[in-house]
C-alpha atoms as a PDB file:
ATOM      1  CA  MET A   1     -15.257  12.049  10.374  1.00  0.00           C
ATOM      2  CA  SER A   2     -12.687  12.465  13.119  1.00  0.00           C
ATOM      3  CA  THR A   3      -9.383  14.272  13.062  1.00  0.00           C
ATOM      4  CA  ALA A   4      -7.635  10.945  13.657  1.00  0.00           C
ATOM      5  CA  HIS A   5      -9.335   9.467  10.598  1.00  0.00           C
ATOM      6  CA  VAL A   6      -8.205  12.358   8.389  1.00  0.00           C
ATOM      7  CA  VAL A   7      -4.620  12.340   9.699  1.00  0.00           C
ATOM      8  CA  VAL A   8      -4.170   8.566   9.474  1.00  0.00           C
ATOM      9  CA  THR A   9      -5.778   8.439   6.028  1.00  0.00           C
ATOM     10  CA  LEU A  10      -3.554  11.220   4.677  1.00  0.00           C
ATOM     11  CA  LEU A  11      -0.489   9.514   6.177  1.00  0.00           C
ATOM     12  CA  ALA A  12      -1.489   6.201   4.592  1.00  0.00           C
ATOM     13  CA  ALA A  13      -2.092   7.904   1.237  1.00  0.00           C
ATOM     14  CA  ALA A  14       1.257   9.713   1.389  1.00  0.00           C
ATOM     15  CA  MET A  15       3.187   6.569   2.282  1.00  0.00           C
ATOM     16  CA  THR A  16       1.423   4.504  -0.386  1.00  0.00           C
ATOM     17  CA  GLY A  17       1.928   7.275  -2.946  1.00  0.00           C
ATOM     18  CA  PHE A  18       5.640   7.396  -2.091  1.00  0.00           C
ATOM     19  CA  SER A  19       5.810   3.629  -2.495  1.00  0.00           C
ATOM     20  CA  ALA A  20       4.074   3.877  -5.888  1.00  0.00           C
ATOM     21  CA  ALA A  21       6.489   6.587  -7.041  1.00  0.00           C
ATOM     22  CA  SER A  22       9.413   4.410  -5.939  1.00  0.00           C
ATOM     23  CA  VAL A  23       8.108   1.599  -8.140  1.00  0.00           C
ATOM     24  CA  PHE A  24       7.462   3.898 -11.118  1.00  0.00           C
ATOM     25  CA  LEU A  25      10.952   5.412 -10.798  1.00  0.00           C
ATOM     26  CA  ARG A  26      12.414   1.910 -10.399  1.00  0.00           C
ATOM     27  CA  SER A  27      14.394   2.825  -7.309  1.00  0.00           C
ATOM     28  CA  LYS A  28      17.141   0.272  -6.720  1.00  0.00           C
ATOM     29  CA  TRP A  29      16.134  -0.251  -3.098  1.00  0.00           C
ATOM     30  CA  VAL A  30      12.669  -1.323  -4.327  1.00  0.00           C
ATOM     31  CA  VAL A  31      13.369  -3.060  -7.630  1.00  0.00           C
ATOM     32  CA  GLY A  32      16.322  -5.109  -6.364  1.00  0.00           C
ATOM     33  CA  PRO A  33      14.420  -6.898  -3.611  1.00  0.00           C
ATOM     34  CA  MET A  34      11.393  -7.394  -5.858  1.00  0.00           C
ATOM     35  CA  ALA A  35      13.617  -9.185  -8.355  1.00  0.00           C
ATOM     36  CA  ASP A  36      15.025 -11.258  -5.487  1.00  0.00           C
ATOM     37  CA  TYR A  37      11.472 -12.215  -4.497  1.00  0.00           C
ATOM     38  CA  GLY A  38      10.821 -13.464  -8.026  1.00  0.00           C
ATOM     39  CA  ILE A  39       8.463 -10.648  -9.053  1.00  0.00           C
ATOM     40  CA  PRO A  40       8.639 -10.214 -12.853  1.00  0.00           C
ATOM     41  CA  MET A  41       9.801  -6.725 -13.829  1.00  0.00           C
ATOM     42  CA  THR A  42       6.926  -6.553 -16.326  1.00  0.00           C
ATOM     43  CA  TRP A  43       4.578  -6.359 -13.329  1.00  0.00           C
ATOM     44  CA  LEU A  44       6.107  -3.121 -12.006  1.00  0.00           C
ATOM     45  CA  PRO A  45       3.832  -0.698 -13.892  1.00  0.00           C
ATOM     46  CA  TRP A  46       0.761  -2.624 -12.727  1.00  0.00           C
ATOM     47  CA  LEU A  47       1.952  -2.807  -9.135  1.00  0.00           C
ATOM     48  CA  GLY A  48       2.776   0.908  -9.132  1.00  0.00           C
ATOM     49  CA  ALA A  49      -0.624   1.711 -10.635  1.00  0.00           C
ATOM     50  CA  ALA A  50      -2.368  -0.374  -7.976  1.00  0.00           C
ATOM     51  CA  LYS A  51      -0.580   1.531  -5.219  1.00  0.00           C
ATOM     52  CA  ALA A  52      -1.163   4.922  -6.846  1.00  0.00           C
ATOM     53  CA  SER A  53      -4.874   4.305  -7.345  1.00  0.00           C
ATOM     54  CA  GLY A  54      -5.142   2.999  -3.802  1.00  0.00           C
ATOM     55  CA  ALA A  55      -3.504   6.163  -2.479  1.00  0.00           C
ATOM     56  CA  ALA A  56      -5.842   8.345  -4.539  1.00  0.00           C
ATOM     57  CA  GLY A  57      -8.812   6.259  -3.425  1.00  0.00           C
ATOM     58  CA  LEU A  58      -7.933   6.795   0.221  1.00  0.00           C
ATOM     59  CA  VAL A  59      -7.996  10.569  -0.262  1.00  0.00           C
ATOM     60  CA  VAL A  60     -11.243  10.459  -2.254  1.00  0.00           C
ATOM     61  CA  GLY A  61     -12.631   8.244   0.503  1.00  0.00           C
ATOM     62  CA  LEU A  62     -12.500  11.167   2.893  1.00  0.00           C
ATOM     63  CA  PHE A  63     -15.359  12.631   0.833  1.00  0.00           C
ATOM     64  CA  VAL A  64     -16.948   9.433  -0.543  1.00  0.00           C
ATOM     65  CA  PRO A  65     -16.634   6.830   2.222  1.00  0.00           C
ATOM     66  CA  TYR A  66     -17.359   3.792   0.033  1.00  0.00           C
ATOM     67  CA  VAL A  67     -14.418   4.656  -2.202  1.00  0.00           C
ATOM     68  CA  GLY A  68     -12.155   4.850   0.839  1.00  0.00           C
ATOM     69  CA  VAL A  69     -13.307   1.461   2.085  1.00  0.00           C
ATOM     70  CA  ALA A  70     -12.741  -0.063  -1.351  1.00  0.00           C
ATOM     71  CA  ALA A  71      -9.297   1.532  -1.638  1.00  0.00           C
ATOM     72  CA  GLY A  72      -8.322   0.492   1.872  1.00  0.00           C
ATOM     73  CA  THR A  73      -9.481  -3.063   1.283  1.00  0.00           C
ATOM     74  CA  GLY A  74      -7.588  -3.236  -1.997  1.00  0.00           C
ATOM     75  CA  LEU A  75      -4.410  -1.940  -0.399  1.00  0.00           C
ATOM     76  CA  VAL A  76      -4.683  -4.364   2.524  1.00  0.00           C
ATOM     77  CA  LEU A  77      -4.963  -7.182  -0.017  1.00  0.00           C
ATOM     78  CA  TYR A  78      -2.028  -5.731  -1.982  1.00  0.00           C
ATOM     79  CA  PHE A  79       0.246  -5.589   1.062  1.00  0.00           C
ATOM     80  CA  THR A  80      -0.906  -9.036   2.182  1.00  0.00           C
ATOM     81  CA  GLY A  81       0.220 -10.282  -1.223  1.00  0.00           C
ATOM     82  CA  ALA A  82       3.528  -8.490  -0.718  1.00  0.00           C
ATOM     83  CA  VAL A  83       4.050 -10.297   2.590  1.00  0.00           C
ATOM     84  CA  VAL A  84       3.194 -13.606   0.904  1.00  0.00           C
ATOM     85  CA  ALA A  85       5.737 -12.884  -1.857  1.00  0.00           C
ATOM     86  CA  VAL A  86       8.433 -12.138   0.726  1.00  0.00           C
ATOM     87  CA  VAL A  87       7.647 -15.301   2.695  1.00  0.00           C
ATOM     88  CA  ARG A  88       7.591 -17.451  -0.454  1.00  0.00           C
ATOM     89  CA  ALA A  89      11.036 -16.085  -1.349  1.00  0.00           C
ATOM     90  CA  ARG A  90      12.175 -16.942   2.203  1.00  0.00           C
ATOM     91  CA  TRP A  91      13.450 -13.434   2.898  1.00  0.00           C
ATOM     92  CA  TYR A  92      11.957 -13.448   6.382  1.00  0.00           C
ATOM     93  CA  ALA A  93      13.958 -10.437   7.527  1.00  0.00           C
ATOM     94  CA  HIS A  94      12.100  -8.358   4.900  1.00  0.00           C
ATOM     95  CA  ILE A  95       8.597  -9.125   6.214  1.00  0.00           C
ATOM     96  CA  PRO A  96       8.408  -5.849   8.197  1.00  0.00           C
ATOM     97  CA  PHE A  97       8.840  -3.687   5.078  1.00  0.00           C
ATOM     98  CA  PRO A  98       5.380  -4.222   3.551  1.00  0.00           C
ATOM     99  CA  LEU A  99       3.877  -4.235   7.044  1.00  0.00           C
ATOM    100  CA  VAL A 100       5.191  -0.706   7.692  1.00  0.00           C
ATOM    101  CA  TYR A 101       3.221   0.497   4.655  1.00  0.00           C
ATOM    102  CA  ALA A 102       0.182  -1.643   5.498  1.00  0.00           C
ATOM    103  CA  ALA A 103      -0.164  -0.422   9.100  1.00  0.00           C
ATOM    104  CA  PRO A 104      -1.504   3.083   8.363  1.00  0.00           C
ATOM    105  CA  VAL A 105      -3.755   1.671   5.640  1.00  0.00           C
ATOM    106  CA  VAL A 106      -5.284  -0.746   8.153  1.00  0.00           C
ATOM    107  CA  GLY A 107      -5.696   2.146  10.585  1.00  0.00           C
ATOM    108  CA  ALA A 108      -7.368   4.331   7.952  1.00  0.00           C
ATOM    109  CA  LEU A 109      -9.671   1.489   6.945  1.00  0.00           C
ATOM    110  CA  ALA A 110     -10.625   0.766  10.557  1.00  0.00           C
ATOM    111  CA  LEU A 111     -11.287   4.440  11.300  1.00  0.00           C
ATOM    112  CA  GLY A 112     -13.267   4.783   8.077  1.00  0.00           C
ATOM    113  CA  LEU A 113     -15.439   1.803   8.915  1.00  0.00           C
ATOM    114  CA  ALA A 114     -15.997   3.101  12.458  1.00  0.00           C
ATOM    115  CA  ALA A 115     -17.222   6.488  11.213  1.00  0.00           C
END
């Protein structure tokens, strides 16, 4: 396990954890756009839980690599779905937002698979 892998994984976990907390706390800057994208508000607890467990899985994956790969894969799929939701809603200017959160996850997954 390299230093880069640890740093990128912890960054990805922190960013994803922050994103999960923002959903759980129903921050206006998160909930407003999600409503605009057509995401039902009843999905918020499930979406927040998916992000939170993904963040925890990334950290656990530093010690149990298969868990990290599973968490990273799940989060990549989650953020891919977020991009699809944004595109379907035709809010093209918002496409970078889920990609900013996905980038360190992809990096952590790639570094984890390379180890």
